[in-house]
Protein backbone atom coordinates (compact mmCIF):
# COMPACT_ATOMS: atom_id res chain seq x y z
CA MET A 1 -1.39 19.70 -17.43
CA ALA A 2 -2.40 23.21 -15.83
CA PHE A 3 -2.30 25.90 -17.33
CA THR A 4 -1.98 29.92 -15.62
CA GLY A 5 -5.22 32.10 -16.90
CA VAL A 6 -3.93 35.67 -17.51
CA ILE A 7 -6.14 38.78 -18.08
CA GLY A 8 -4.87 41.76 -20.61
CA PRO A 9 -5.99 44.33 -22.37
CA GLY A 10 -6.70 43.05 -26.01
CA PRO A 11 -4.55 43.98 -29.24
CA GLN A 12 -2.79 47.33 -30.49
CA LEU A 13 -4.65 47.97 -34.01
CA PRO A 14 -3.28 50.69 -36.65
CA ALA A 15 -5.03 54.23 -36.56
CA SER A 16 -6.25 53.06 -40.11
CA VAL A 17 -7.73 49.99 -39.26
CA THR A 18 -9.55 51.46 -36.25
CA GLU A 19 -10.83 54.05 -37.76
CA GLN A 20 -12.47 52.08 -41.01
CA ALA A 21 -14.17 50.21 -38.17
CA GLY A 22 -15.20 53.64 -36.41
CA GLY A 23 -16.14 55.33 -39.68
CA ARG A 24 -19.86 56.42 -40.12
CA SER A 25 -21.78 55.86 -43.53
CA PRO A 26 -24.19 58.67 -44.72
CA LEU A 27 -26.82 57.02 -43.49
CA GLU A 28 -25.26 57.23 -39.97
CA SER A 29 -24.05 60.84 -40.41
CA VAL A 30 -24.67 63.27 -37.61
CA VAL A 31 -24.95 65.89 -40.88
CA LEU A 32 -28.14 63.66 -41.99
CA VAL A 33 -29.84 63.93 -38.39
CA ALA A 34 -29.58 67.41 -38.31
CA ALA A 35 -30.35 67.95 -42.26
CA LEU A 36 -33.37 66.26 -41.12
CA ALA A 37 -34.44 68.78 -37.99
CA VAL A 38 -34.08 71.44 -39.89
CA LEU A 39 -36.27 70.24 -42.73
CA THR A 40 -38.86 69.26 -40.24
CA VAL A 41 -38.84 72.75 -38.55
CA LEU A 42 -39.19 74.55 -41.95
CA ALA A 43 -42.00 72.57 -42.94
CA ILE A 44 -43.75 72.95 -39.11
CA VAL A 45 -43.30 76.98 -40.45
CA VAL A 46 -44.77 76.46 -43.45
CA VAL A 47 -47.89 74.65 -42.48
CA LYS A 48 -48.44 77.06 -39.93
CA ARG A 49 -47.62 80.23 -41.34
CA ARG A 50 -50.37 79.29 -44.40
CA ARG A 51 -52.56 77.92 -42.64
CA MET A 52 -53.04 74.79 -44.73
CA ARG A 53 -55.17 71.68 -44.92
CA LYS A 54 -54.96 69.01 -41.74
CA ILE A 55 -53.19 66.69 -43.82
CA ALA A 56 -50.36 68.84 -44.84
CA ILE A 57 -49.49 68.17 -40.85
CA ALA A 58 -48.85 64.81 -42.30
CA VAL A 59 -45.01 65.90 -43.84
CA PRO A 60 -43.48 67.89 -40.69
CA VAL A 61 -44.82 64.66 -38.72
CA LEU A 62 -42.97 62.18 -41.50
CA LEU A 63 -39.62 64.34 -41.02
CA ALA A 64 -40.02 64.64 -37.60
CA LEU A 65 -40.41 60.51 -37.82
CA LEU A 66 -37.25 60.22 -39.81
CA THR A 67 -34.94 62.78 -37.82
CA VAL A 68 -35.58 60.14 -34.99
CA ALA A 69 -35.33 57.38 -36.63
CA ALA A 70 -31.74 58.77 -38.44
CA GLY A 71 -30.98 59.92 -34.48
CA VAL A 72 -31.01 56.69 -33.42
CA ASN A 73 -29.12 54.94 -36.24
CA SER A 74 -26.67 57.39 -36.16
CA TYR A 75 -26.04 55.61 -32.18
CA VAL A 76 -26.71 52.21 -33.43
CA GLY A 77 -25.52 51.89 -36.72
CA TYR A 78 -27.90 48.81 -37.83
CA VAL A 79 -28.56 50.95 -41.37
CA ARG A 80 -25.41 51.81 -43.73
CA SER A 81 -26.82 50.92 -46.62
CA LEU A 82 -29.80 50.69 -48.88
CA ASP A 83 -29.02 46.92 -48.58
CA ASP A 84 -29.12 47.33 -44.68
CA PHE A 85 -32.50 49.05 -44.47
CA GLY A 86 -33.79 46.54 -46.58
CA ARG A 87 -32.90 44.00 -44.16
CA LEU A 88 -34.74 45.83 -41.76
CA LEU A 89 -37.41 45.58 -43.18
CA LEU A 90 -37.30 42.16 -43.76
CA LEU A 91 -36.90 41.67 -40.28
CA ALA A 92 -39.99 43.70 -38.99
CA SER A 93 -42.40 41.46 -41.33
CA GLY A 94 -40.73 38.04 -39.93
CA GLY A 95 -37.91 37.18 -42.22
CA ASN A 96 -35.25 34.86 -42.41
CA SER A 97 -38.01 32.34 -43.55
CA ASP A 98 -37.36 29.48 -46.25
CA SER A 99 -38.24 31.46 -49.06
CA GLU A 100 -36.51 34.53 -48.17
CA PRO A 101 -34.08 35.83 -51.02
CA SER A 102 -30.53 36.08 -50.60
CA THR A 103 -29.25 39.74 -49.68
CA PRO A 104 -27.19 40.48 -52.73
CA ILE A 105 -23.68 39.75 -52.39
CA PRO A 106 -21.11 42.66 -52.46
CA PRO A 107 -19.26 43.44 -55.39
CA THR A 108 -15.66 41.84 -55.21
CA VAL A 109 -12.43 43.66 -55.43
CA PRO A 110 -10.23 42.27 -57.68
CA GLY A 111 -7.42 40.58 -55.46
CA GLY A 112 -9.63 41.50 -52.16
CA VAL A 113 -12.22 39.78 -49.82
CA ARG A 114 -14.84 37.54 -51.56
CA VAL A 115 -17.65 36.41 -50.24
CA ALA A 116 -19.07 33.02 -50.80
CA ASP A 117 -23.00 32.11 -50.36
CA VAL A 118 -23.21 28.76 -49.48
CA SER A 119 -26.00 26.85 -47.88
CA LEU A 120 -25.42 24.29 -45.15
CA PRO A 121 -28.86 22.63 -44.62
CA ASP A 122 -29.20 20.02 -42.10
CA PRO A 123 -32.77 18.72 -42.07
CA GLY A 124 -31.60 16.06 -39.60
CA LEU A 125 -31.07 18.43 -36.56
CA GLY A 126 -34.05 20.83 -37.53
CA ILE A 127 -31.79 23.40 -39.68
CA PRO A 128 -33.76 23.28 -43.42
CA THR A 129 -31.73 26.27 -45.03
CA GLY A 130 -28.25 26.83 -43.57
CA ARG A 131 -27.94 30.35 -45.04
CA THR A 132 -24.15 30.92 -44.31
CA ARG A 133 -21.83 33.42 -45.82
CA VAL A 134 -17.76 33.00 -46.51
CA LEU A 135 -15.00 35.48 -46.45
CA LEU A 136 -12.20 34.75 -47.79
CA PRO A 137 -9.14 36.82 -47.65
CA PRO A 138 -7.62 38.57 -50.80
CA GLY A 139 -5.05 36.16 -52.30
CA TYR A 140 -7.51 32.89 -51.09
CA ASP A 141 -7.65 32.69 -55.01
CA ASP A 142 -3.76 33.80 -56.03
CA PRO A 143 -2.35 30.38 -58.10
CA ALA A 144 0.28 31.40 -55.89
CA HIS A 145 -1.10 30.54 -52.60
CA ALA A 146 -3.44 27.65 -54.01
CA ARG A 147 -1.86 25.43 -51.12
CA ASP A 148 -2.42 27.74 -48.71
CA ARG A 149 -4.68 26.92 -45.70
CA TYR A 150 -6.41 29.57 -43.26
CA PRO A 151 -7.71 29.75 -39.72
CA VAL A 152 -11.25 30.33 -39.43
CA VAL A 153 -13.42 32.30 -37.33
CA TYR A 154 -17.24 31.64 -36.93
CA LEU A 155 -19.28 34.96 -36.59
CA VAL A 156 -22.93 34.73 -34.80
CA HIS A 157 -25.23 37.27 -35.45
CA GLY A 158 -27.62 38.73 -32.80
CA TYR A 159 -31.19 39.19 -32.10
CA PRO A 160 -33.88 39.60 -32.75
CA SER A 161 -34.06 37.84 -35.45
CA GLY A 162 -31.48 38.69 -37.26
CA GLY A 163 -28.94 36.98 -39.82
CA PRO A 164 -25.48 35.95 -41.30
CA ASP A 165 -25.91 39.16 -43.82
CA ASP A 166 -26.04 41.18 -40.24
CA TRP A 167 -21.86 40.56 -39.82
CA LEU A 168 -21.51 41.64 -43.76
CA GLY A 169 -23.49 45.20 -43.38
CA PRO A 170 -23.51 46.97 -39.89
CA GLY A 171 -21.23 44.33 -38.55
CA GLY A 172 -18.60 45.58 -41.29
CA ALA A 173 -17.08 42.60 -41.41
CA ILE A 174 -15.82 42.59 -45.10
CA GLN A 175 -14.41 45.85 -44.76
CA THR A 176 -12.55 44.65 -41.73
CA LEU A 177 -11.31 41.76 -43.09
CA GLN A 178 -9.88 43.85 -45.82
CA ALA A 179 -7.86 46.63 -43.81
CA LEU A 180 -6.31 43.68 -41.62
CA SER A 181 -5.16 42.32 -44.59
CA ASP A 182 -3.92 45.26 -46.33
CA THR A 183 -1.60 46.89 -42.58
CA ARG A 184 -0.77 43.03 -42.09
CA THR A 185 -2.20 43.22 -38.71
CA THR A 186 -3.37 40.03 -38.62
CA PRO A 187 -1.96 36.97 -41.15
CA PRO A 188 -4.95 35.97 -43.27
CA MET A 189 -7.94 34.10 -42.18
CA ILE A 190 -11.72 33.41 -43.08
CA ILE A 191 -14.37 34.37 -41.51
CA VAL A 192 -17.90 32.37 -41.63
CA ALA A 193 -21.32 34.47 -40.77
CA VAL A 194 -24.04 32.00 -39.93
CA ASP A 195 -27.42 31.75 -39.59
CA ALA A 196 -28.80 30.48 -35.65
CA THR A 197 -32.48 31.15 -36.39
CA ALA A 198 -32.94 28.12 -38.11
CA GLY A 199 -34.35 29.68 -40.95
CA THR A 200 -37.41 30.86 -39.07
CA GLY A 201 -36.12 34.00 -37.38
CA THR A 202 -36.77 32.62 -33.90
CA ASP A 203 -34.11 33.30 -30.96
CA TRP A 204 -32.64 29.49 -30.07
CA GLU A 205 -29.92 31.29 -28.48
CA CYS A 206 -27.91 28.62 -30.24
CA LEU A 207 -29.40 25.72 -28.29
CA ASN A 208 -29.95 21.44 -28.76
CA VAL A 209 -33.72 22.63 -28.22
CA PRO A 210 -36.05 19.94 -26.94
CA GLY A 211 -38.55 19.02 -29.83
CA GLY A 212 -36.83 21.62 -31.82
CA PRO A 213 -33.85 22.09 -33.76
CA GLN A 214 -30.56 21.31 -32.56
CA LEU A 215 -28.02 24.05 -33.41
CA GLU A 216 -25.70 23.48 -30.94
CA THR A 217 -24.61 20.47 -32.81
CA TYR A 218 -25.27 22.20 -35.65
CA LEU A 219 -23.00 24.90 -35.38
CA THR A 220 -20.05 22.88 -33.68
CA SER A 221 -20.28 19.93 -36.19
CA THR A 222 -22.17 20.39 -39.54
CA VAL A 223 -20.97 24.18 -39.86
CA PRO A 224 -16.71 23.74 -39.32
CA ARG A 225 -17.26 19.92 -41.06
CA GLU A 226 -18.68 21.21 -44.27
CA VAL A 227 -16.22 24.55 -44.01
CA ASP A 228 -13.60 22.62 -44.23
CA ALA A 229 -14.50 20.24 -46.86
CA ARG A 230 -15.50 23.31 -48.91
CA PHE A 231 -12.68 25.57 -48.35
CA ARG A 232 -8.97 25.74 -47.83
CA THR A 233 -9.08 25.84 -43.73
CA LEU A 234 -6.47 24.72 -41.25
CA PRO A 235 -9.13 21.82 -40.01
CA ASP A 236 -8.48 21.74 -36.01
CA ARG A 237 -9.31 23.37 -32.92
CA GLY A 238 -5.85 25.61 -32.69
CA ASP A 239 -6.91 27.24 -36.02
CA ARG A 240 -10.73 27.75 -34.64
CA ALA A 241 -12.17 30.38 -32.90
CA ILE A 242 -16.55 31.15 -32.82
CA GLY A 243 -17.97 34.97 -32.03
CA GLY A 244 -20.91 37.03 -31.69
CA MET A 245 -22.18 40.23 -30.46
CA SER A 246 -24.95 40.56 -28.19
CA GLY A 247 -27.44 36.72 -28.21
CA GLY A 248 -24.71 35.82 -30.84
CA ALA A 249 -21.89 36.70 -27.97
CA PHE A 250 -23.67 34.32 -25.56
CA CYS A 251 -23.63 31.61 -28.39
CA ALA A 252 -19.99 31.83 -28.56
CA LEU A 253 -19.27 31.86 -25.01
CA ASN A 254 -21.63 29.06 -24.37
CA LEU A 255 -20.81 26.71 -27.59
CA GLY A 256 -17.52 27.52 -27.27
CA LEU A 257 -16.97 26.27 -23.49
CA ARG A 258 -18.87 23.44 -23.86
CA ASN A 259 -17.17 22.30 -27.39
CA GLN A 260 -13.72 23.04 -26.88
CA GLY A 261 -12.38 19.99 -29.09
CA THR A 262 -13.84 22.12 -31.77
CA TYR A 263 -12.70 25.79 -31.05
CA SER A 264 -9.80 27.21 -29.21
CA ALA A 265 -10.87 31.02 -28.78
CA VAL A 266 -14.37 32.85 -28.05
CA LEU A 267 -14.90 36.39 -29.36
CA ALA A 268 -17.67 37.49 -27.47
CA SER A 269 -19.14 41.78 -27.66
CA GLU A 270 -21.50 42.69 -25.74
CA PRO A 271 -22.04 39.18 -23.54
CA TYR A 272 -24.10 37.49 -22.11
CA ASP A 273 -23.77 34.40 -19.65
CA ASP A 274 -27.54 32.46 -19.32
CA PRO A 275 -30.08 32.14 -22.19
CA GLY A 276 -32.32 34.30 -21.34
CA THR A 277 -35.01 32.20 -22.48
CA ASP A 278 -37.46 29.44 -21.21
CA LEU A 279 -36.67 26.99 -24.75
CA LEU A 280 -34.92 25.07 -21.80
CA ALA A 281 -37.84 24.97 -19.36
CA GLY A 282 -38.67 21.68 -17.90
CA HIS A 283 -35.55 20.63 -18.58
CA PRO A 284 -33.53 22.07 -15.41
CA ASP A 285 -30.15 20.35 -16.15
CA LEU A 286 -30.35 21.76 -19.25
CA GLN A 287 -30.46 25.08 -18.13
CA ARG A 288 -27.42 24.56 -15.81
CA ALA A 289 -25.54 22.96 -18.29
CA ASN A 290 -26.15 25.89 -20.50
CA SER A 291 -25.51 28.65 -18.33
CA PRO A 292 -22.05 29.72 -18.21
CA HIS A 293 -22.54 31.54 -14.87
CA GLU A 294 -23.77 28.38 -13.14
CA TYR A 295 -21.02 25.95 -14.73
CA LEU A 296 -17.86 27.88 -15.02
CA PRO A 297 -16.64 27.61 -11.49
CA THR A 298 -16.04 24.04 -12.04
CA LEU A 299 -15.15 24.27 -15.92
CA GLN A 300 -12.78 22.08 -16.67
CA VAL A 301 -10.11 23.76 -19.44
CA PRO A 302 -7.80 20.91 -20.56
CA GLN A 303 -6.44 22.33 -23.31
CA PRO A 304 -4.95 26.20 -24.44
CA PHE A 305 -8.10 28.31 -24.73
CA ALA A 306 -8.56 32.36 -25.03
CA VAL A 307 -11.71 34.64 -24.63
CA MET A 308 -11.58 37.95 -25.81
CA LEU A 309 -14.33 40.13 -24.27
CA HIS A 310 -15.81 43.36 -25.51
CA ALA A 311 -18.63 45.88 -24.70
CA GLY A 312 -19.26 49.53 -24.74
CA VAL A 313 -18.77 51.82 -21.70
CA VAL A 314 -22.04 53.13 -21.39
CA ALA A 315 -23.52 49.84 -20.71
CA HIS A 316 -22.79 49.22 -17.26
CA SER A 317 -24.40 46.27 -17.59
CA ASP A 318 -22.17 44.42 -20.03
CA VAL A 319 -18.76 45.99 -19.02
CA ASP A 320 -19.60 44.32 -15.19
CA LEU A 321 -20.26 41.08 -16.71
CA SER A 322 -17.32 41.09 -19.41
CA TYR A 323 -14.93 41.54 -16.14
CA ARG A 324 -16.84 39.16 -14.12
CA LEU A 325 -16.43 36.59 -16.60
CA ALA A 326 -13.28 37.33 -16.98
CA ASP A 327 -11.74 36.79 -13.42
CA GLN A 328 -13.60 33.33 -13.53
CA LEU A 329 -12.52 32.30 -16.94
CA ALA A 330 -9.01 33.45 -15.72
CA ALA A 331 -9.36 31.30 -12.56
CA ARG A 332 -10.10 28.31 -14.51
CA GLY A 333 -6.99 28.46 -16.23
CA VAL A 334 -7.89 30.55 -19.76
CA ASP A 335 -6.15 33.48 -21.06
CA VAL A 336 -8.59 36.41 -21.38
CA ALA A 337 -8.45 40.14 -22.79
CA VAL A 338 -11.35 42.75 -21.93
CA ARG A 339 -11.82 45.42 -24.02
CA ALA A 340 -14.56 48.60 -22.95
CA GLU A 341 -15.34 50.90 -25.95
CA PRO A 342 -15.16 54.35 -24.77
CA GLY A 343 -18.82 56.18 -25.48
CA GLU A 344 -20.33 53.38 -26.88
CA TRP A 345 -23.20 51.37 -25.51
CA HIS A 346 -25.23 48.10 -26.59
CA THR A 347 -25.16 48.57 -30.49
CA TRP A 348 -24.37 46.59 -33.78
CA ARG A 349 -21.65 49.73 -33.68
CA THR A 350 -20.22 48.35 -30.38
CA ALA A 351 -19.88 45.35 -31.89
CA ARG A 352 -18.20 46.94 -35.82
CA ILE A 353 -15.72 48.85 -33.60
CA GLY A 354 -14.51 45.72 -31.79
CA LEU A 355 -14.24 43.39 -34.37
CA PRO A 356 -10.75 43.99 -35.66
CA TYR A 357 -9.58 43.46 -32.35
CA LEU A 358 -11.65 40.75 -31.53
CA LEU A 359 -9.88 39.30 -34.95
CA THR A 360 -6.69 40.18 -34.08
CA PHE A 361 -7.09 38.39 -30.71
CA ALA A 362 -7.81 35.29 -32.48
CA ALA A 363 -4.82 35.26 -35.11
CA GLN A 364 -2.60 35.85 -32.00
CA HIS A 365 -3.91 32.51 -30.64
CA PHE A 366 -4.35 30.59 -33.35
CA THR A 367 -1.19 28.34 -33.91
CA GLY A 368 -0.60 28.63 -37.90
CA ASP A 369 0.41 25.16 -38.41
CA GLN A 370 0.09 24.51 -42.25
CA PRO A 371 0.45 20.75 -43.40
CA PRO A 372 4.01 19.93 -45.41
CA LYS A 373 3.75 20.64 -49.04
CA GLN A 374 3.38 17.97 -51.24
CA ARG A 375 5.92 18.30 -54.21
């Protein structure tokens, strides 16, 4: 059966949903940047007028560095809380090791999104820890919904390093899932944030690496199987999507297209279309087989499949690639949506703003077939 691909602009959302995704925390505030800048100037004036010792110069220098850091963070949006700052320090020290302590799970709001911290190791595939965050939608624990099952969206973090908590912090997945529920924009769904570093902090690009971790197999077999076994999911491809940002968007695109029997939708924010790594050096066949720009012209799409591509307008190469991929995918019969985010670049803030659009797009393509309820 042949399918006709179309390219659309993606879903429309209520203002309350988009405003919460685009909102800035105090640590992202332009006011914080301005305040630090003023303190820097004042410190310079004080040091000069009082002819203080050279060691005092460290104060305005430190304030200047904090001003720059706050300015960058206001644009990038990675550090939204003290937990995010702690994670940034961890990544700077080569985090995500086997001994990494878990980031505290945000407190559960009664009747709201609940976060489950699970470990899904698969040593046979080179995955020693399998740190995973599972976001359960409002109502999941309500006895009235005890027999309900839910579609699942798997989210892959970006690089360098990174981890599943990125989608809870700078990615804003908890707040977005709650907002979509509060506004009834989408039916309830489960979000699974995975660790694509095999517990090492290394950028494996979600590949089955010769002599290394087998992350493609892990993310397309082990993780969905274990999540389906532990939570009330709709365990079929029609109710399963994979998404990601930046390097994670490449993972989502490549894994989704190569494993259409597992996933029926891909959600790619700030995507790439090749691994951009030498992990497959010496294996040209594997390199081609894992580079969408190589295999898309001959890709077979035997079942309905959907892809949404998202990028910040300022990142021109991301936008160009998104539209190029959209044309290639539509030519293969894929339903495609492209959204270019005004005023945004290649950042976690862009991914956070795009997440509610991506999740809504996935919901519009889920089959949502509930199994018969037993009496």
